[in-house]
Amino acid sequence: MRVAAIQTEMGLSPEVTVPLAEAAMAAAMQAAERPDFLILPEYFSYYGLDQKRSVELAQPLRETPGFRMAQSFAKRHKVAVQAGTILASVPGEDRVENVSVVFDREGEVIAEYRKIHLFDIDDLGNGAFRESDYIKPGDKIVTWELEGTVFGTAICFDGRFPELFRALRLRGAEIITLPAAYTTVTGEAHWELLARARAAETQCHFIACGLGGSVVVDGQKKSCYGHSVIVDAWGRVLARAGKGAEIIQTTLDMESLPVIRKNMPVMKQRRLLGDAAVVGF
């Protein structure tokens, strides 16, 4: 399967960021080998910094510029698209939800995943973050099938919770995607480390699409790490981006999965006792 990660840069206006994302996607489709699947980063259409701005810009999911563009693009170009994440309004809530939507080649929605683990941290050098102040967490693990291949997905901070990825593998995942907006500080320390670990431990191909660039709001600069990576099920990096806007593509060898899993049958060898078992999934 041919896949492409469309790394875009941070922005505060969907009127600017969504057309830039669409142009990058169109460029990816001009490759000699057309991709079967495109993925955008977390917050590709708007980098929400606080409750006020996020709620002001939020619309019902299917009315957002990011949703409408990705759906139209998938249908027009006959390519599957994962629309990174979109901040959407929640009926009856003063919070938004951070949703990743997947469209098939006909533009039909085949999956929606809402971020479970929210990024609440103290200042590690890039300012404090409190996503739970304005984002409603999801509570469902999501897999989907695309032309015979089972995908699973998580979002950004989810990547630090390996039990979620083990649950995706147990549900049949062969490719796992991670749209993300890692800070520069956490990205430099852990981004590629965690991507390779999640791939190797689940024995799934792994596509981590990161947001790059920086924005300034109220005099405070926020930066994202970028450096999208595509990792195979043995933990090898097949493609790697830099910090700015960039497209990376590769072909994932789906026939290698059963060989890797047969030669190292970690799922059969698991021995979980009591509280060590995956709970709640």
Protein backbone atom coordinates (compact mmCIF):
# COMPACT_ATOMS: atom_id res chain seq x y z
CA MET A 1 0.00 0.00 0.00
CA ARG A 2 1.33 3.41 -1.01
CA VAL A 3 0.93 6.00 1.76
CA ALA A 4 1.77 9.70 2.12
CA ALA A 5 2.06 11.88 5.21
CA ILE A 6 1.23 15.52 4.43
CA GLN A 7 3.09 17.57 7.01
CA THR A 8 1.67 21.09 7.23
CA GLU A 9 2.47 24.05 9.47
CA MET A 10 0.61 25.62 12.38
CA GLY A 11 -1.95 28.32 11.65
CA LEU A 12 -4.73 30.20 13.37
CA SER A 13 -7.12 30.63 10.44
CA PRO A 14 -8.79 27.81 8.50
CA GLU A 15 -9.15 30.25 5.60
CA VAL A 16 -5.38 30.02 5.21
CA THR A 17 -4.44 26.56 6.47
CA VAL A 18 -7.09 24.47 4.72
CA PRO A 19 -6.23 25.67 1.18
CA LEU A 20 -2.52 25.13 1.93
CA ALA A 21 -3.26 21.58 3.09
CA GLU A 22 -5.31 20.91 -0.03
CA ALA A 23 -2.50 22.19 -2.26
CA ALA A 24 0.00 19.91 -0.54
CA MET A 25 -2.33 16.94 -0.95
CA ALA A 26 -2.69 17.73 -4.64
CA ALA A 27 1.10 17.82 -4.96
CA ALA A 28 1.33 14.39 -3.33
CA MET A 29 -1.05 12.99 -5.93
CA GLN A 30 1.32 14.09 -8.71
CA ALA A 31 3.96 11.56 -7.65
CA ALA A 32 4.95 8.90 -10.15
CA GLU A 33 3.40 6.35 -7.80
CA ARG A 34 0.07 7.74 -6.69
CA PRO A 35 -0.65 7.13 -3.01
CA ASP A 36 -3.59 5.03 -1.92
CA PHE A 37 -3.83 6.82 1.43
CA LEU A 38 -3.10 10.37 2.60
CA ILE A 39 -2.90 11.58 6.19
CA LEU A 40 -2.78 15.13 7.56
CA PRO A 41 -1.51 16.20 11.02
CA GLU A 42 -3.40 16.98 14.19
CA TYR A 43 -4.79 20.55 14.11
CA PHE A 44 -4.03 20.89 10.40
CA SER A 45 -6.89 23.35 9.95
CA TYR A 46 -6.56 25.32 13.18
CA TYR A 47 -4.18 25.19 16.13
CA GLY A 48 -6.47 25.72 19.12
CA LEU A 49 -4.67 27.37 22.00
CA ASP A 50 -7.47 27.97 24.46
CA GLN A 51 -11.15 27.46 25.13
CA LYS A 52 -12.33 30.87 23.95
CA ARG A 53 -10.73 30.76 20.51
CA SER A 54 -11.50 27.08 19.96
CA VAL A 55 -15.18 27.44 20.83
CA GLU A 56 -15.52 30.58 18.74
CA LEU A 57 -14.21 28.84 15.61
CA ALA A 58 -15.81 25.44 16.19
CA GLN A 59 -18.66 24.24 13.98
CA PRO A 60 -20.51 20.93 13.73
CA LEU A 61 -18.02 18.39 12.39
CA ARG A 62 -19.51 17.99 8.92
CA GLU A 63 -19.72 21.74 8.44
CA THR A 64 -16.08 22.51 9.22
CA PRO A 65 -13.81 23.64 6.36
CA GLY A 66 -11.37 20.81 7.12
CA PHE A 67 -14.04 18.11 6.86
CA ARG A 68 -15.56 19.49 3.68
CA MET A 69 -12.19 19.90 1.96
CA ALA A 70 -10.92 16.41 2.86
CA GLN A 71 -14.17 14.74 1.83
CA SER A 72 -14.28 16.55 -1.50
CA PHE A 73 -10.60 15.81 -2.16
CA ALA A 74 -10.99 12.09 -1.48
CA LYS A 75 -13.93 11.82 -3.84
CA ARG A 76 -12.37 13.96 -6.54
CA HIS A 77 -8.99 12.22 -6.54
CA LYS A 78 -10.20 8.70 -5.68
CA VAL A 79 -7.84 8.42 -2.71
CA ALA A 80 -8.44 7.55 0.94
CA VAL A 81 -7.83 10.52 3.26
CA GLN A 82 -7.41 10.78 7.02
CA ALA A 83 -8.21 14.37 7.92
CA GLY A 84 -5.63 14.72 10.70
CA THR A 85 -7.77 16.19 13.44
CA ILE A 86 -10.56 18.75 13.38
CA LEU A 87 -11.86 20.77 16.31
CA ALA A 88 -15.65 20.44 16.18
CA SER A 89 -18.45 21.75 18.35
CA VAL A 90 -20.32 19.41 20.70
CA PRO A 91 -24.08 19.95 21.12
CA GLY A 92 -24.88 21.14 24.63
CA GLU A 93 -21.20 21.51 25.59
CA ASP A 94 -18.95 24.50 26.15
CA ARG A 95 -16.04 22.34 24.99
CA VAL A 96 -15.05 21.06 21.56
CA GLU A 97 -13.93 17.61 20.44
CA ASN A 98 -10.71 16.73 18.64
CA VAL A 99 -11.75 14.35 15.88
CA SER A 100 -9.85 12.42 13.22
CA VAL A 101 -12.05 11.49 10.26
CA VAL A 102 -11.21 8.92 7.58
CA PHE A 103 -12.75 9.01 4.10
CA ASP A 104 -12.62 6.23 1.51
CA ARG A 105 -11.94 6.79 -2.19
CA GLU A 106 -15.56 7.80 -2.73
CA GLY A 107 -15.53 10.41 0.03
CA GLU A 108 -17.61 8.28 2.38
CA VAL A 109 -16.79 8.46 6.10
CA ILE A 110 -15.43 5.09 7.23
CA ALA A 111 -14.10 6.07 10.67
CA GLU A 112 -14.17 8.81 13.29
CA TYR A 113 -11.82 8.77 16.27
CA ARG A 114 -11.98 11.24 19.16
CA LYS A 115 -8.77 11.81 21.11
CA ILE A 116 -8.85 9.89 24.39
CA HIS A 117 -5.75 11.15 26.22
CA LEU A 118 -5.64 14.94 26.51
CA PHE A 119 -2.41 16.92 26.75
CA ASP A 120 -2.35 18.42 30.25
CA ILE A 121 1.22 19.22 31.26
CA ASP A 122 3.24 21.80 33.14
CA ASP A 123 5.76 24.02 31.41
CA LEU A 124 8.54 21.86 29.93
CA GLY A 125 10.07 24.79 28.10
CA ASN A 126 7.32 25.59 25.61
CA GLY A 127 4.60 26.76 27.99
CA ALA A 128 1.95 24.83 29.91
CA PHE A 129 -0.92 23.07 28.11
CA ARG A 130 -4.41 22.20 29.36
CA GLU A 131 -6.37 20.53 26.58
CA SER A 132 -8.94 19.23 29.04
CA ASP A 133 -10.03 22.82 29.74
CA TYR A 134 -11.65 23.06 26.33
CA ILE A 135 -11.63 19.58 24.72
CA LYS A 136 -14.02 16.76 25.55
CA PRO A 137 -12.13 13.43 25.55
CA GLY A 138 -13.24 10.48 23.48
CA ASP A 139 -13.94 7.05 24.96
CA LYS A 140 -13.83 4.62 22.03
CA ILE A 141 -10.99 2.76 20.33
CA VAL A 142 -11.35 2.84 16.55
CA THR A 143 -10.23 0.53 13.76
CA TRP A 144 -11.40 0.43 10.18
CA GLU A 145 -10.81 -1.56 7.03
CA LEU A 146 -9.54 -0.11 3.78
CA GLU A 147 -9.40 -2.44 0.81
CA GLY A 148 -8.59 -5.49 2.89
CA THR A 149 -6.15 -3.80 5.30
CA VAL A 150 -7.10 -3.07 8.90
CA PHE A 151 -6.08 0.35 10.23
CA GLY A 152 -6.15 1.69 13.76
CA THR A 153 -5.61 5.25 14.87
CA ALA A 154 -4.62 7.35 17.85
CA ILE A 155 -3.84 11.06 18.27
CA CYS A 156 -0.69 12.77 19.56
CA PHE A 157 -0.54 12.37 23.37
CA ASP A 158 -2.24 8.97 23.00
CA GLY A 159 1.16 7.78 21.79
CA ARG A 160 2.47 7.67 25.37
CA PHE A 161 -0.06 5.01 26.42
CA PRO A 162 1.03 1.65 24.98
CA GLU A 163 -2.06 -0.19 26.21
CA LEU A 164 -4.12 1.67 23.61
CA PHE A 165 -1.88 0.42 20.82
CA ARG A 166 -1.90 -3.12 22.14
CA ALA A 167 -5.69 -2.93 22.05
CA LEU A 168 -5.55 -1.82 18.40
CA ARG A 169 -3.34 -4.81 17.56
CA LEU A 170 -5.73 -7.12 19.38
CA ARG A 171 -8.51 -5.74 17.20
CA GLY A 172 -6.61 -6.72 14.06
CA ALA A 173 -4.71 -3.54 13.18
CA GLU A 174 -1.99 -3.89 10.54
CA ILE A 175 -1.30 -0.17 10.03
CA ILE A 176 -1.57 2.38 12.85
CA THR A 177 -1.77 6.11 12.22
CA LEU A 178 -0.93 8.96 14.59
CA PRO A 179 -1.77 12.52 13.55
CA ALA A 180 0.02 14.74 16.06
CA ALA A 181 1.16 18.23 17.06
CA TYR A 182 4.13 17.54 19.32
CA THR A 183 5.82 20.49 20.95
CA THR A 184 9.44 21.09 19.98
CA VAL A 185 10.63 20.10 23.45
CA THR A 186 8.74 16.80 23.68
CA GLY A 187 9.33 16.06 20.00
CA GLU A 188 13.08 16.34 20.24
CA ALA A 189 13.06 14.05 23.26
CA HIS A 190 10.52 11.38 22.42
CA TRP A 191 8.74 11.69 19.03
CA GLU A 192 10.67 9.22 16.90
CA LEU A 193 11.50 7.05 19.91
CA LEU A 194 7.81 6.50 20.65
CA ALA A 195 6.84 6.03 16.99
CA ARG A 196 9.42 3.28 16.54
CA ALA A 197 8.49 1.67 19.86
CA ARG A 198 4.78 1.59 19.04
CA ALA A 199 5.54 0.03 15.65
CA ALA A 200 7.92 -2.61 17.01
CA GLU A 201 5.80 -3.62 19.99
CA THR A 202 2.55 -3.93 17.97
CA GLN A 203 4.25 -5.32 14.85
CA CYS A 204 2.23 -2.86 12.79
CA HIS A 205 3.35 -0.38 10.18
CA PHE A 206 3.14 3.07 11.75
CA ILE A 207 2.47 6.47 10.14
CA ALA A 208 3.12 9.41 12.47
CA CYS A 209 2.15 12.68 10.78
CA GLY A 210 3.29 15.72 12.74
CA LEU A 211 2.41 19.38 12.55
CA GLY A 212 5.32 21.79 12.08
CA GLY A 213 5.94 25.52 12.30
CA SER A 214 5.05 28.06 14.97
CA VAL A 215 2.46 30.71 15.87
CA VAL A 216 2.43 33.71 18.20
CA VAL A 217 -0.66 34.45 20.26
CA ASP A 218 -0.83 37.20 22.88
CA GLY A 219 2.92 37.58 22.63
CA GLN A 220 3.63 33.92 23.36
CA LYS A 221 5.30 31.70 20.76
CA LYS A 222 4.18 28.09 20.39
CA SER A 223 6.14 25.72 18.16
CA CYS A 224 5.47 22.23 16.85
CA TYR A 225 8.13 19.66 16.07
CA GLY A 226 7.03 18.26 12.69
CA HIS A 227 9.46 15.47 11.67
CA SER A 228 6.76 13.09 10.44
CA VAL A 229 7.94 9.49 10.18
CA ILE A 230 6.74 6.32 8.51
CA VAL A 231 7.99 3.22 10.31
CA ASP A 232 7.66 -0.41 9.30
CA ALA A 233 6.52 -3.21 11.59
CA TRP A 234 10.12 -4.08 12.50
CA GLY A 235 10.68 -0.54 13.79
CA ARG A 236 12.72 0.71 10.82
CA VAL A 237 12.18 4.30 9.65
CA LEU A 238 11.19 4.24 5.98
CA ALA A 239 10.68 7.99 5.53
CA ARG A 240 11.34 11.05 7.66
CA ALA A 241 10.44 14.74 7.30
CA GLY A 242 12.04 17.89 8.69
CA LYS A 243 10.40 20.66 10.69
CA GLY A 244 8.51 22.60 8.01
CA ALA A 245 5.86 21.80 5.43
CA GLU A 246 6.83 18.58 3.66
CA ILE A 247 5.43 15.46 2.01
CA ILE A 248 6.84 12.00 2.68
CA GLN A 249 5.73 8.89 0.84
CA THR A 250 6.56 5.22 0.81
CA THR A 251 5.10 1.83 -0.05
CA LEU A 252 4.27 -0.37 2.93
CA ASP A 253 5.00 -4.05 2.42
CA MET A 254 1.89 -5.74 3.76
CA GLU A 255 3.27 -9.20 2.97
CA SER A 256 6.05 -8.71 5.53
CA LEU A 257 3.63 -8.53 8.48
CA PRO A 258 2.75 -12.22 8.78
CA VAL A 259 6.45 -13.12 8.48
CA ILE A 260 7.45 -10.72 11.29
CA ARG A 261 4.59 -11.88 13.47
CA LYS A 262 5.30 -15.56 12.86
CA ASN A 263 9.02 -15.28 13.57
CA MET A 264 8.44 -13.29 16.77
CA PRO A 265 4.99 -14.35 18.07
CA VAL A 266 4.72 -11.81 20.89
CA MET A 267 0.92 -11.92 20.97
CA LYS A 268 0.98 -15.64 21.71
CA GLN A 269 3.68 -15.21 24.34
CA ARG A 270 1.95 -12.50 26.38
CA ARG A 271 1.56 -13.37 30.07
CA LEU A 272 -0.57 -10.76 31.80
CA LEU A 273 -1.55 -11.35 35.40
CA GLY A 274 -4.17 -9.49 37.40
CA ASP A 275 -3.89 -5.73 37.09
CA ALA A 276 -1.29 -6.07 34.34
CA ALA A 277 -4.02 -7.05 31.88
CA VAL A 278 -5.43 -4.43 29.53
CA VAL A 279 -8.47 -3.09 31.37
CA GLY A 280 -11.36 -1.11 29.95
CA PHE A 281 -10.65 -1.79 26.27
